Each structure stands twice: as structure tokens, then as C-alpha cells.
Amino acid sequence: MDFKKHLIQAYLGIDFTAQFIAMKKSLPNTSLEDFYQAWQRKNGISPIQDKNEIFTPGLFLGYLYVAVVLFQQSNEDKIPNTPINKLDKTLWGNIYINSKINSGKNKQWKQFNWNSINETTIKYIIRRIRNSLSHFNFIIDDDWYFTFYDDPDKNNKYEKSEISIKFSFDDLAFKFLPTLNSFLMNE
């Protein structure tokens, strides 16, 4: 993960929004296209055919922080305790999970079938994604697949699994997060 690249992307996204709001106050008739071209020139960004320099992984990470970390920290009681194998995939999207369990003294890791473990609830998944985001343990690949990693909690004797959770951008942005946030909005 290129931290510096995503930090710059996040700043540019924030700068774009701030500059656009300021411009709309002083020049309310300026179109978004005209503003975007001026903003690109101001920041030394060369326009590239069919490319968007605003909506980047760095900007989306800021949204993820608010949508997952702050949501989980302040509304944990509203997160459903539904097992993931019972979720409606048309609402939640596809969740790809890989996990390894510490098998004891010899510290070997074994793969397991996620749907057979008791902690397969959406609440558990959100907590592990929250940990991943908070500890900067994630990858966003060039195809916009988001993979979140979380190590076992050393202070919890019942949590022995290392986990990775992967989403496509479409499943994460258009299914998983809106469905999760609907639980907060409907309360």
C-alpha cells in the first residue's frame, strides 16, 4: 500500500470539494466541467481521456473511515448480528473471506470454512474491517478491489483467527455500505 499516494489523493479530493464550494459562492454560474478543468490546471494535473483524478482510492478511504470506523464505534448495538451465510447477496454484495486459525502450541495456521464458524456475523465482519482500517492493514489494487486484513486480538482468548476480507468496489460502495448504513438511518 502506497500511503503517500493515498494521502495525496485524499488531499486532492478534499481540496476539490473545498475549492468547488468556494467557487460556487463567488461564481455561482460556473459549470462543474469548467471548474474541473480550472482545478486540474491549478494543481498541475494533465487531463487524461476517460480518467477522473477526483474519485480516487484515497478519497474513498476517507468515506470508509466514516462509514465503517465511526459507524462501528458509535452504533455497534445497531449492527445486525446476522450470520453472513444468511445475508441477501443482492443487498449486501459478495464478501470474500479468508481466515486462518492458530492451532495451538506449534503456532501453525489452518484454513477453515468461514460459514462453519460461530463468529460469522455481519457485526463480527464490521469489527474486523474497522480494525483493518484503523491499523492501516488493507490493500486497494488497480482494479479497485479492497482487501482488509486483521490479526487476532491478543487480549481475547477466544479470537484466534487471522482474517482477510475482500470486496469489489461495486459490492462495497453500492451494496455493502449502503445496506449497513440503512440500519443506522432506520433507527
C-alpha atoms as a PDB file:
ATOM      1  CA  MET A   1       0.000   0.000   0.000  1.00  0.00           C
ATOM      2  CA  ASP A   2       1.378   3.325  -1.028  1.00  0.00           C
ATOM      3  CA  PHE A   3       0.440   5.501   1.958  1.00  0.00           C
ATOM      4  CA  LYS A   4       1.843   8.711   0.454  1.00  0.00           C
ATOM      5  CA  LYS A   5      -0.096   8.224  -2.798  1.00  0.00           C
ATOM      6  CA  HIS A   6      -3.401   7.724  -0.959  1.00  0.00           C
ATOM      7  CA  LEU A   7      -2.720  10.664   1.342  1.00  0.00           C
ATOM      8  CA  ILE A   8      -2.148  12.911  -1.690  1.00  0.00           C
ATOM      9  CA  GLN A   9      -5.310  11.533  -3.308  1.00  0.00           C
ATOM     10  CA  ALA A  10      -7.318  12.251  -0.170  1.00  0.00           C
ATOM     11  CA  TYR A  11      -5.949  15.799  -0.002  1.00  0.00           C
ATOM     12  CA  LEU A  12      -6.774  16.445  -3.663  1.00  0.00           C
ATOM     13  CA  GLY A  13     -10.325  15.191  -3.088  1.00  0.00           C
ATOM     14  CA  ILE A  14     -10.755  17.467  -0.092  1.00  0.00           C
ATOM     15  CA  ASP A  15      -9.178  20.376  -1.970  1.00  0.00           C
ATOM     16  CA  PHE A  16     -11.510  19.807  -4.941  1.00  0.00           C
ATOM     17  CA  THR A  17     -14.587  19.907  -2.715  1.00  0.00           C
ATOM     18  CA  ALA A  18     -13.392  22.957  -0.775  1.00  0.00           C
ATOM     19  CA  GLN A  19     -12.460  24.871  -3.924  1.00  0.00           C
ATOM     20  CA  PHE A  20     -15.745  23.963  -5.616  1.00  0.00           C
ATOM     21  CA  ILE A  21     -17.782  25.227  -2.653  1.00  0.00           C
ATOM     22  CA  ALA A  22     -15.761  28.452  -2.542  1.00  0.00           C
ATOM     23  CA  MET A  23     -16.153  28.954  -6.303  1.00  0.00           C
ATOM     24  CA  LYS A  24     -19.932  28.394  -6.176  1.00  0.00           C
ATOM     25  CA  LYS A  25     -20.193  31.196  -3.623  1.00  0.00           C
ATOM     26  CA  SER A  26     -18.301  33.706  -5.775  1.00  0.00           C
ATOM     27  CA  LEU A  27     -19.159  32.448  -9.300  1.00  0.00           C
ATOM     28  CA  PRO A  28     -22.489  30.618  -8.983  1.00  0.00           C
ATOM     29  CA  ASN A  29     -22.987  30.255 -12.771  1.00  0.00           C
ATOM     30  CA  THR A  30     -19.729  28.347 -13.404  1.00  0.00           C
ATOM     31  CA  SER A  31     -20.305  24.802 -14.614  1.00  0.00           C
ATOM     32  CA  LEU A  32     -18.749  21.789 -12.911  1.00  0.00           C
ATOM     33  CA  GLU A  33     -16.856  20.977 -16.134  1.00  0.00           C
ATOM     34  CA  ASP A  34     -15.339  24.473 -16.328  1.00  0.00           C
ATOM     35  CA  PHE A  35     -14.421  24.334 -12.650  1.00  0.00           C
ATOM     36  CA  TYR A  36     -12.875  20.854 -13.011  1.00  0.00           C
ATOM     37  CA  GLN A  37     -10.674  21.965 -15.917  1.00  0.00           C
ATOM     38  CA  ALA A  38      -9.517  25.047 -13.986  1.00  0.00           C
ATOM     39  CA  TRP A  39      -8.867  22.913 -10.897  1.00  0.00           C
ATOM     40  CA  GLN A  40      -6.757  20.470 -12.937  1.00  0.00           C
ATOM     41  CA  ARG A  41      -4.658  23.359 -14.316  1.00  0.00           C
ATOM     42  CA  LYS A  42      -4.235  24.857 -10.824  1.00  0.00           C
ATOM     43  CA  ASN A  43      -2.948  21.543  -9.440  1.00  0.00           C
ATOM     44  CA  GLY A  44      -0.787  20.660 -12.442  1.00  0.00           C
ATOM     45  CA  ILE A  45      -2.925  17.658 -13.379  1.00  0.00           C
ATOM     46  CA  SER A  46      -2.921  16.805 -17.074  1.00  0.00           C
ATOM     47  CA  PRO A  47      -6.370  15.830 -18.282  1.00  0.00           C
ATOM     48  CA  ILE A  48      -6.355  12.212 -19.464  1.00  0.00           C
ATOM     49  CA  GLN A  49      -9.089  10.833 -21.702  1.00  0.00           C
ATOM     50  CA  ASP A  50     -11.703   8.893 -19.662  1.00  0.00           C
ATOM     51  CA  LYS A  51      -9.786   9.326 -16.392  1.00  0.00           C
ATOM     52  CA  ASN A  52     -11.039  11.022 -13.258  1.00  0.00           C
ATOM     53  CA  GLU A  53      -8.496  12.481 -10.849  1.00  0.00           C
ATOM     54  CA  ILE A  54     -11.024  13.284  -8.111  1.00  0.00           C
ATOM     55  CA  PHE A  55     -12.631   9.999  -7.166  1.00  0.00           C
ATOM     56  CA  THR A  56      -9.578   8.035  -6.104  1.00  0.00           C
ATOM     57  CA  PRO A  57      -8.904   5.249  -3.603  1.00  0.00           C
ATOM     58  CA  GLY A  58      -7.559   7.878  -1.190  1.00  0.00           C
ATOM     59  CA  LEU A  59     -10.808   9.817  -1.218  1.00  0.00           C
ATOM     60  CA  PHE A  60     -12.848   6.635  -0.868  1.00  0.00           C
ATOM     61  CA  LEU A  61     -10.753   5.666   2.182  1.00  0.00           C
ATOM     62  CA  GLY A  62     -11.978   8.810   3.931  1.00  0.00           C
ATOM     63  CA  TYR A  63     -15.541   7.726   3.257  1.00  0.00           C
ATOM     64  CA  LEU A  64     -14.754   4.200   4.508  1.00  0.00           C
ATOM     65  CA  TYR A  65     -13.379   5.621   7.733  1.00  0.00           C
ATOM     66  CA  VAL A  66     -16.605   7.493   8.383  1.00  0.00           C
ATOM     67  CA  ALA A  67     -18.899   4.744   7.079  1.00  0.00           C
ATOM     68  CA  VAL A  68     -17.219   1.871   8.932  1.00  0.00           C
ATOM     69  CA  VAL A  69     -14.977   3.042  11.783  1.00  0.00           C
ATOM     70  CA  LEU A  70     -17.143   5.849  13.136  1.00  0.00           C
ATOM     71  CA  PHE A  71     -20.308   3.851  12.477  1.00  0.00           C
ATOM     72  CA  GLN A  72     -18.976   0.793  14.311  1.00  0.00           C
ATOM     73  CA  GLN A  73     -17.645   2.811  17.236  1.00  0.00           C
ATOM     74  CA  SER A  74     -20.821   4.800  17.805  1.00  0.00           C
ATOM     75  CA  ASN A  75     -23.541   2.365  16.716  1.00  0.00           C
ATOM     76  CA  GLU A  76     -22.292  -1.115  17.477  1.00  0.00           C
ATOM     77  CA  ASP A  77     -25.635  -2.082  19.002  1.00  0.00           C
ATOM     78  CA  LYS A  78     -27.385  -1.303  15.672  1.00  0.00           C
ATOM     79  CA  ILE A  79     -25.167  -3.549  13.546  1.00  0.00           C
ATOM     80  CA  PRO A  80     -27.031  -6.752  12.735  1.00  0.00           C
ATOM     81  CA  ASN A  81     -25.827  -9.993  14.264  1.00  0.00           C
ATOM     82  CA  THR A  82     -26.934 -11.922  11.190  1.00  0.00           C
ATOM     83  CA  PRO A  83     -24.658 -14.756  10.029  1.00  0.00           C
ATOM     84  CA  ILE A  84     -23.083 -13.851   6.698  1.00  0.00           C
ATOM     85  CA  ASN A  85     -24.231 -17.107   5.111  1.00  0.00           C
ATOM     86  CA  LYS A  86     -27.832 -15.909   5.691  1.00  0.00           C
ATOM     87  CA  LEU A  87     -27.379 -12.464   4.100  1.00  0.00           C
ATOM     88  CA  ASP A  88     -29.197 -11.479   0.932  1.00  0.00           C
ATOM     89  CA  LYS A  89     -26.309 -11.021  -1.546  1.00  0.00           C
ATOM     90  CA  THR A  90     -28.451  -8.768  -3.729  1.00  0.00           C
ATOM     91  CA  LEU A  91     -28.441  -6.288  -0.809  1.00  0.00           C
ATOM     92  CA  TRP A  92     -25.038  -6.956   0.790  1.00  0.00           C
ATOM     93  CA  GLY A  93     -22.962  -7.949  -2.251  1.00  0.00           C
ATOM     94  CA  ASN A  94     -20.298 -10.643  -2.362  1.00  0.00           C
ATOM     95  CA  ILE A  95     -17.983 -10.853   0.642  1.00  0.00           C
ATOM     96  CA  TYR A  96     -14.836 -12.917   0.073  1.00  0.00           C
ATOM     97  CA  ILE A  97     -13.330 -14.087   3.336  1.00  0.00           C
ATOM     98  CA  ASN A  98     -10.153 -15.999   4.020  1.00  0.00           C
ATOM     99  CA  SER A  99      -9.074 -16.868   7.520  1.00  0.00           C
ATOM    100  CA  LYS A 100      -6.530 -18.935   9.353  1.00  0.00           C
ATOM    101  CA  ILE A 101      -6.830 -20.234  12.907  1.00  0.00           C
ATOM    102  CA  ASN A 102      -3.885 -20.690  15.248  1.00  0.00           C
ATOM    103  CA  SER A 103      -3.975 -24.398  16.027  1.00  0.00           C
ATOM    104  CA  GLY A 104      -2.141 -24.211  19.330  1.00  0.00           C
ATOM    105  CA  LYS A 105       1.362 -24.669  20.705  1.00  0.00           C
ATOM    106  CA  ASN A 106       3.052 -25.309  17.372  1.00  0.00           C
ATOM    107  CA  LYS A 107       1.712 -21.966  16.020  1.00  0.00           C
ATOM    108  CA  GLN A 108       0.628 -23.492  12.726  1.00  0.00           C
ATOM    109  CA  TRP A 109      -2.208 -21.881  10.848  1.00  0.00           C
ATOM    110  CA  LYS A 110      -5.042 -23.840   9.263  1.00  0.00           C
ATOM    111  CA  GLN A 111      -7.512 -22.644   6.675  1.00  0.00           C
ATOM    112  CA  PHE A 112     -11.159 -23.053   7.639  1.00  0.00           C
ATOM    113  CA  ASN A 113     -14.596 -22.869   6.088  1.00  0.00           C
ATOM    114  CA  TRP A 114     -15.822 -19.441   7.146  1.00  0.00           C
ATOM    115  CA  ASN A 115     -19.509 -20.390   7.115  1.00  0.00           C
ATOM    116  CA  SER A 116     -18.941 -23.080   9.757  1.00  0.00           C
ATOM    117  CA  ILE A 117     -17.573 -20.720  12.435  1.00  0.00           C
ATOM    118  CA  ASN A 118     -19.812 -19.142  15.090  1.00  0.00           C
ATOM    119  CA  GLU A 119     -18.470 -15.596  14.660  1.00  0.00           C
ATOM    120  CA  THR A 120     -19.609 -15.271  11.072  1.00  0.00           C
ATOM    121  CA  THR A 121     -21.965 -12.405  11.769  1.00  0.00           C
ATOM    122  CA  ILE A 122     -22.008  -9.123   9.961  1.00  0.00           C
ATOM    123  CA  LYS A 123     -21.215  -7.475  13.310  1.00  0.00           C
ATOM    124  CA  TYR A 124     -18.016  -9.534  13.541  1.00  0.00           C
ATOM    125  CA  ILE A 125     -17.048  -8.670   9.948  1.00  0.00           C
ATOM    126  CA  ILE A 126     -17.578  -4.945  10.589  1.00  0.00           C
ATOM    127  CA  ARG A 127     -15.387  -5.098  13.701  1.00  0.00           C
ATOM    128  CA  ARG A 128     -12.589  -6.789  11.771  1.00  0.00           C
ATOM    129  CA  ILE A 129     -12.863  -4.276   8.872  1.00  0.00           C
ATOM    130  CA  ARG A 130     -12.846  -1.463  11.429  1.00  0.00           C
ATOM    131  CA  ASN A 131      -9.623  -2.873  12.914  1.00  0.00           C
ATOM    132  CA  SER A 132      -8.101  -3.148   9.462  1.00  0.00           C
ATOM    133  CA  LEU A 133      -8.877   0.465   8.572  1.00  0.00           C
ATOM    134  CA  SER A 134      -7.749   1.783  11.945  1.00  0.00           C
ATOM    135  CA  HIS A 135      -4.405  -0.041  11.735  1.00  0.00           C
ATOM    136  CA  PHE A 136      -3.820   0.657   8.032  1.00  0.00           C
ATOM    137  CA  ASN A 137      -3.975  -3.040   7.114  1.00  0.00           C
ATOM    138  CA  PHE A 138      -5.619  -3.012   3.699  1.00  0.00           C
ATOM    139  CA  ILE A 139      -4.841  -3.079   0.008  1.00  0.00           C
ATOM    140  CA  ILE A 140      -6.635  -1.388  -2.853  1.00  0.00           C
ATOM    141  CA  ASP A 141      -5.499  -2.961  -6.095  1.00  0.00           C
ATOM    142  CA  ASP A 142      -5.501  -1.393  -9.560  1.00  0.00           C
ATOM    143  CA  ASP A 143      -8.893  -2.945 -10.299  1.00  0.00           C
ATOM    144  CA  TRP A 144     -10.370  -1.303  -7.185  1.00  0.00           C
ATOM    145  CA  TYR A 145     -10.692  -4.490  -5.137  1.00  0.00           C
ATOM    146  CA  PHE A 146     -10.477  -3.699  -1.432  1.00  0.00           C
ATOM    147  CA  THR A 147      -8.850  -6.308   0.808  1.00  0.00           C
ATOM    148  CA  PHE A 148      -8.911  -5.733   4.571  1.00  0.00           C
ATOM    149  CA  TYR A 149      -6.554  -7.663   6.879  1.00  0.00           C
ATOM    150  CA  ASP A 150      -6.815  -8.117  10.627  1.00  0.00           C
ATOM    151  CA  ASP A 151      -4.641 -10.076  13.041  1.00  0.00           C
ATOM    152  CA  PRO A 152      -6.004 -11.982  16.036  1.00  0.00           C
ATOM    153  CA  ASP A 153      -6.763  -9.939  19.131  1.00  0.00           C
ATOM    154  CA  LYS A 154      -4.047 -10.865  21.636  1.00  0.00           C
ATOM    155  CA  ASN A 155      -6.280  -9.772  24.528  1.00  0.00           C
ATOM    156  CA  ASN A 156      -9.178 -12.016  23.525  1.00  0.00           C
ATOM    157  CA  LYS A 157      -8.520 -15.681  24.270  1.00  0.00           C
ATOM    158  CA  TYR A 158     -11.463 -16.709  22.058  1.00  0.00           C
ATOM    159  CA  GLU A 159     -10.315 -14.893  18.944  1.00  0.00           C
ATOM    160  CA  LYS A 160      -7.573 -16.922  17.341  1.00  0.00           C
ATOM    161  CA  SER A 161      -8.071 -16.122  13.668  1.00  0.00           C
ATOM    162  CA  GLU A 162      -6.157 -14.021  11.213  1.00  0.00           C
ATOM    163  CA  ILE A 163      -8.591 -12.771   8.571  1.00  0.00           C
ATOM    164  CA  SER A 164      -8.754 -11.106   5.173  1.00  0.00           C
ATOM    165  CA  ILE A 165     -11.999  -9.734   3.755  1.00  0.00           C
ATOM    166  CA  LYS A 166     -12.254  -8.718   0.107  1.00  0.00           C
ATOM    167  CA  PHE A 167     -14.860  -6.745  -1.846  1.00  0.00           C
ATOM    168  CA  SER A 168     -15.104  -5.406  -5.355  1.00  0.00           C
ATOM    169  CA  PHE A 169     -15.629  -1.644  -5.424  1.00  0.00           C
ATOM    170  CA  ASP A 170     -19.192  -2.104  -6.715  1.00  0.00           C
ATOM    171  CA  ASP A 171     -20.128  -4.570  -3.982  1.00  0.00           C
ATOM    172  CA  LEU A 172     -18.547  -2.413  -1.271  1.00  0.00           C
ATOM    173  CA  ALA A 173     -19.767   1.005  -2.464  1.00  0.00           C
ATOM    174  CA  PHE A 174     -23.177   0.164  -3.906  1.00  0.00           C
ATOM    175  CA  LYS A 175     -24.334  -2.764  -1.784  1.00  0.00           C
ATOM    176  CA  PHE A 176     -22.470  -3.464   1.462  1.00  0.00           C
ATOM    177  CA  LEU A 177     -22.021   0.088   2.796  1.00  0.00           C
ATOM    178  CA  PRO A 178     -25.484   1.422   1.854  1.00  0.00           C
ATOM    179  CA  THR A 179     -27.140  -1.652   3.380  1.00  0.00           C
ATOM    180  CA  LEU A 180     -25.058  -1.344   6.541  1.00  0.00           C
ATOM    181  CA  ASN A 181     -25.784   2.364   6.830  1.00  0.00           C
ATOM    182  CA  SER A 182     -29.505   1.756   6.350  1.00  0.00           C
ATOM    183  CA  PHE A 183     -29.503   0.141   9.805  1.00  0.00           C
ATOM    184  CA  LEU A 184     -28.326   3.438  11.292  1.00  0.00           C
ATOM    185  CA  MET A 185     -30.745   5.532   9.252  1.00  0.00           C
ATOM    186  CA  ASN A 186     -33.767   3.368  10.059  1.00  0.00           C
ATOM    187  CA  GLU A 187     -33.315   3.512  13.824  1.00  0.00           C
END
